[in-house]
N, C-alpha and C. Protein backbone atom coordinates (compact mmCIF):
# COMPACT_ATOMS: atom_id res chain seq x y z
N MET A 1 24.86 -102.47 -66.95
CA MET A 1 24.84 -101.10 -66.48
C MET A 1 25.31 -100.17 -67.58
N SER A 2 24.78 -99.00 -67.57
CA SER A 2 25.18 -98.03 -68.58
C SER A 2 26.49 -97.35 -68.15
N PRO A 3 27.31 -96.93 -69.09
CA PRO A 3 28.57 -96.29 -68.74
C PRO A 3 28.39 -94.95 -68.04
N GLU A 4 27.24 -94.27 -68.26
CA GLU A 4 27.04 -92.98 -67.62
C GLU A 4 26.85 -93.14 -66.11
N GLY A 5 26.27 -94.22 -65.65
CA GLY A 5 25.97 -94.41 -64.24
C GLY A 5 27.13 -94.96 -63.44
N SER A 6 28.15 -95.47 -64.09
CA SER A 6 29.25 -96.06 -63.35
C SER A 6 30.43 -95.09 -63.28
N GLN A 7 31.17 -95.19 -62.19
CA GLN A 7 32.34 -94.33 -62.02
C GLN A 7 33.57 -95.06 -62.54
N SER A 8 34.58 -94.30 -62.94
CA SER A 8 35.82 -94.94 -63.35
C SER A 8 36.50 -95.53 -62.12
N LYS A 9 37.29 -96.57 -62.33
CA LYS A 9 37.84 -97.33 -61.21
C LYS A 9 38.83 -96.55 -60.36
N GLY A 10 39.59 -95.65 -60.94
CA GLY A 10 40.65 -94.98 -60.20
C GLY A 10 40.22 -93.74 -59.44
N ARG A 11 38.98 -93.32 -59.54
CA ARG A 11 38.55 -92.07 -58.91
C ARG A 11 38.00 -92.31 -57.51
N LEU A 12 38.30 -91.38 -56.63
CA LEU A 12 37.78 -91.43 -55.27
C LEU A 12 36.62 -90.44 -55.15
N SER A 13 35.58 -90.85 -54.44
CA SER A 13 34.44 -89.96 -54.26
C SER A 13 34.76 -88.92 -53.19
N GLY A 14 33.94 -87.90 -53.12
CA GLY A 14 34.13 -86.85 -52.12
C GLY A 14 34.02 -87.39 -50.70
N GLY A 15 33.12 -88.34 -50.50
CA GLY A 15 32.95 -88.92 -49.17
C GLY A 15 34.19 -89.68 -48.71
N VAL A 16 34.81 -90.41 -49.63
CA VAL A 16 36.03 -91.16 -49.29
C VAL A 16 37.16 -90.20 -48.97
N ILE A 17 37.29 -89.14 -49.75
CA ILE A 17 38.34 -88.16 -49.50
C ILE A 17 38.12 -87.47 -48.16
N ALA A 18 36.88 -87.10 -47.84
CA ALA A 18 36.58 -86.47 -46.56
C ALA A 18 36.86 -87.42 -45.40
N THR A 19 36.51 -88.69 -45.54
CA THR A 19 36.75 -89.67 -44.50
C THR A 19 38.24 -89.86 -44.26
N LEU A 20 39.00 -90.01 -45.33
CA LEU A 20 40.45 -90.19 -45.20
C LEU A 20 41.10 -88.95 -44.58
N SER A 21 40.64 -87.78 -44.95
CA SER A 21 41.17 -86.54 -44.38
C SER A 21 40.86 -86.47 -42.88
N GLY A 22 39.64 -86.81 -42.52
CA GLY A 22 39.25 -86.81 -41.11
C GLY A 22 40.05 -87.79 -40.28
N VAL A 23 40.29 -88.98 -40.82
CA VAL A 23 41.10 -89.98 -40.11
C VAL A 23 42.53 -89.49 -39.96
N ALA A 24 43.07 -88.86 -41.00
CA ALA A 24 44.44 -88.33 -40.93
C ALA A 24 44.56 -87.26 -39.84
N VAL A 25 43.59 -86.35 -39.79
CA VAL A 25 43.61 -85.31 -38.75
C VAL A 25 43.47 -85.93 -37.37
N LEU A 26 42.61 -86.93 -37.24
CA LEU A 26 42.42 -87.61 -35.96
C LEU A 26 43.72 -88.28 -35.50
N VAL A 27 44.42 -88.92 -36.40
CA VAL A 27 45.69 -89.58 -36.05
C VAL A 27 46.72 -88.54 -35.61
N ILE A 28 46.78 -87.41 -36.30
CA ILE A 28 47.72 -86.36 -35.92
C ILE A 28 47.40 -85.82 -34.52
N VAL A 29 46.11 -85.59 -34.24
CA VAL A 29 45.71 -85.10 -32.92
C VAL A 29 46.07 -86.12 -31.85
N ILE A 30 45.85 -87.39 -32.12
CA ILE A 30 46.16 -88.45 -31.16
C ILE A 30 47.66 -88.50 -30.88
N LEU A 31 48.47 -88.42 -31.93
CA LEU A 31 49.92 -88.49 -31.74
C LEU A 31 50.47 -87.28 -30.99
N GLN A 32 49.83 -86.13 -31.12
CA GLN A 32 50.32 -84.92 -30.45
C GLN A 32 49.80 -84.77 -29.03
N ASN A 33 48.79 -85.52 -28.64
CA ASN A 33 48.17 -85.38 -27.31
C ASN A 33 48.19 -86.71 -26.58
N ARG A 34 49.35 -87.06 -26.03
CA ARG A 34 49.47 -88.35 -25.35
C ARG A 34 49.45 -88.23 -23.83
N GLN A 35 49.24 -87.04 -23.28
CA GLN A 35 49.19 -86.89 -21.84
C GLN A 35 47.84 -87.39 -21.30
N SER A 36 47.74 -87.52 -19.99
CA SER A 36 46.49 -87.95 -19.36
C SER A 36 45.59 -86.76 -19.10
N VAL A 37 44.29 -87.02 -19.08
CA VAL A 37 43.31 -85.97 -18.82
C VAL A 37 42.30 -86.52 -17.81
N THR A 38 41.90 -85.67 -16.87
CA THR A 38 40.90 -86.05 -15.87
C THR A 38 39.64 -85.26 -16.15
N PHE A 39 38.52 -85.95 -16.21
CA PHE A 39 37.25 -85.26 -16.37
C PHE A 39 36.22 -85.88 -15.45
N GLU A 40 35.26 -85.07 -15.08
CA GLU A 40 34.20 -85.50 -14.16
C GLU A 40 32.91 -85.68 -14.93
N PHE A 41 32.25 -86.79 -14.69
CA PHE A 41 30.95 -87.06 -15.28
C PHE A 41 30.05 -87.62 -14.19
N LEU A 42 29.00 -86.88 -13.87
CA LEU A 42 28.13 -87.19 -12.75
C LEU A 42 28.98 -87.29 -11.49
N MET A 43 29.09 -88.47 -10.88
CA MET A 43 29.91 -88.60 -9.68
C MET A 43 31.21 -89.34 -9.95
N LEU A 44 31.55 -89.52 -11.20
CA LEU A 44 32.77 -90.24 -11.55
C LEU A 44 33.89 -89.26 -11.88
N ASP A 45 35.08 -89.55 -11.39
CA ASP A 45 36.28 -88.84 -11.81
C ASP A 45 37.11 -89.82 -12.60
N LEU A 46 37.22 -89.57 -13.89
CA LEU A 46 37.93 -90.49 -14.77
C LEU A 46 39.22 -89.87 -15.25
N THR A 47 40.29 -90.64 -15.21
CA THR A 47 41.57 -90.22 -15.75
C THR A 47 41.93 -91.17 -16.88
N TRP A 48 41.93 -90.64 -18.08
CA TRP A 48 42.24 -91.42 -19.28
C TRP A 48 43.38 -90.76 -20.03
N PRO A 49 44.07 -91.54 -20.83
CA PRO A 49 45.00 -90.90 -21.77
C PRO A 49 44.20 -90.08 -22.78
N MET A 50 44.72 -88.94 -23.17
CA MET A 50 44.00 -88.06 -24.09
C MET A 50 43.69 -88.75 -25.40
N TRP A 51 44.58 -89.63 -25.88
CA TRP A 51 44.33 -90.31 -27.15
C TRP A 51 43.11 -91.22 -27.05
N LEU A 52 42.93 -91.89 -25.91
CA LEU A 52 41.77 -92.77 -25.74
C LEU A 52 40.49 -91.95 -25.67
N TYR A 53 40.54 -90.84 -24.94
CA TYR A 53 39.38 -89.95 -24.86
C TYR A 53 39.01 -89.42 -26.25
N THR A 54 40.00 -89.06 -27.04
CA THR A 54 39.76 -88.55 -28.39
C THR A 54 39.09 -89.61 -29.25
N ILE A 55 39.54 -90.85 -29.18
CA ILE A 55 38.94 -91.93 -29.96
C ILE A 55 37.50 -92.17 -29.53
N VAL A 56 37.26 -92.20 -28.21
CA VAL A 56 35.90 -92.44 -27.70
C VAL A 56 34.95 -91.34 -28.17
N VAL A 57 35.38 -90.09 -28.09
CA VAL A 57 34.54 -88.98 -28.52
C VAL A 57 34.30 -89.04 -30.03
N ALA A 58 35.32 -89.39 -30.80
CA ALA A 58 35.17 -89.49 -32.26
C ALA A 58 34.19 -90.60 -32.63
N VAL A 59 34.29 -91.74 -31.97
CA VAL A 59 33.38 -92.85 -32.26
C VAL A 59 31.95 -92.47 -31.87
N PHE A 60 31.78 -91.84 -30.72
CA PHE A 60 30.45 -91.39 -30.31
C PHE A 60 29.86 -90.41 -31.32
N GLY A 61 30.68 -89.47 -31.78
CA GLY A 61 30.22 -88.51 -32.78
C GLY A 61 29.83 -89.18 -34.08
N ALA A 62 30.60 -90.19 -34.50
CA ALA A 62 30.29 -90.92 -35.73
C ALA A 62 28.97 -91.68 -35.59
N VAL A 63 28.74 -92.28 -34.44
CA VAL A 63 27.49 -93.01 -34.21
C VAL A 63 26.30 -92.06 -34.26
N VAL A 64 26.43 -90.90 -33.62
CA VAL A 64 25.35 -89.90 -33.65
C VAL A 64 25.11 -89.44 -35.08
N TRP A 65 26.18 -89.16 -35.83
CA TRP A 65 26.07 -88.69 -37.22
C TRP A 65 25.35 -89.73 -38.07
N LEU A 66 25.74 -91.01 -37.93
CA LEU A 66 25.09 -92.07 -38.70
C LEU A 66 23.62 -92.23 -38.29
N GLY A 67 23.36 -92.13 -37.00
CA GLY A 67 21.98 -92.23 -36.52
C GLY A 67 21.10 -91.14 -37.08
N LEU A 68 21.62 -89.91 -37.13
CA LEU A 68 20.84 -88.82 -37.71
C LEU A 68 20.60 -89.04 -39.19
N GLY A 69 21.58 -89.61 -39.89
CA GLY A 69 21.40 -89.92 -41.31
C GLY A 69 20.33 -90.97 -41.53
N VAL A 70 20.28 -91.98 -40.66
CA VAL A 70 19.25 -93.01 -40.77
C VAL A 70 17.87 -92.41 -40.55
N LEU A 71 17.74 -91.55 -39.53
CA LEU A 71 16.45 -90.91 -39.26
C LEU A 71 16.02 -90.04 -40.44
N ARG A 72 16.96 -89.32 -41.02
CA ARG A 72 16.63 -88.45 -42.16
C ARG A 72 16.16 -89.27 -43.35
N ARG A 73 16.85 -90.37 -43.64
CA ARG A 73 16.43 -91.22 -44.76
C ARG A 73 15.06 -91.83 -44.50
N ARG A 74 14.79 -92.22 -43.27
CA ARG A 74 13.49 -92.80 -42.94
C ARG A 74 12.38 -91.78 -43.14
N ARG A 75 12.61 -90.52 -42.68
CA ARG A 75 11.59 -89.49 -42.86
C ARG A 75 11.35 -89.19 -44.33
N ARG A 76 12.42 -89.14 -45.13
CA ARG A 76 12.26 -88.87 -46.56
C ARG A 76 11.51 -90.01 -47.25
N ARG A 77 11.79 -91.24 -46.85
CA ARG A 77 11.11 -92.40 -47.43
C ARG A 77 9.63 -92.37 -47.10
N GLN A 78 9.29 -92.04 -45.86
CA GLN A 78 7.89 -91.96 -45.46
C GLN A 78 7.19 -90.82 -46.19
N ALA A 79 7.88 -89.71 -46.37
CA ALA A 79 7.27 -88.59 -47.09
C ALA A 79 6.99 -88.95 -48.55
N ARG A 80 7.86 -89.72 -49.17
CA ARG A 80 7.63 -90.14 -50.56
C ARG A 80 6.44 -91.09 -50.66
N ARG A 81 6.28 -91.94 -49.65
CA ARG A 81 5.14 -92.87 -49.67
C ARG A 81 3.80 -92.16 -49.52
N ASP A 82 3.82 -91.08 -48.77
CA ASP A 82 2.57 -90.33 -48.52
C ASP A 82 2.21 -89.47 -49.69
């Protein structure tokens, strides 16, 4: 590999820094919101601890974000082939 294409070992990329920052904020929110919350979905009344609800929503958001990224890469790949 050429030295221009490789990164130095001690440097963090922007994505890693953003991910670590997001996880830190998520942990702070979880620690500050430990009460229970009740929400209604269709005919269900669910009472969960706020920290569990926060984790579930964050994981759902991450899955949606990754799914949109996969769709975008697929569309770009198909456009390059055409």
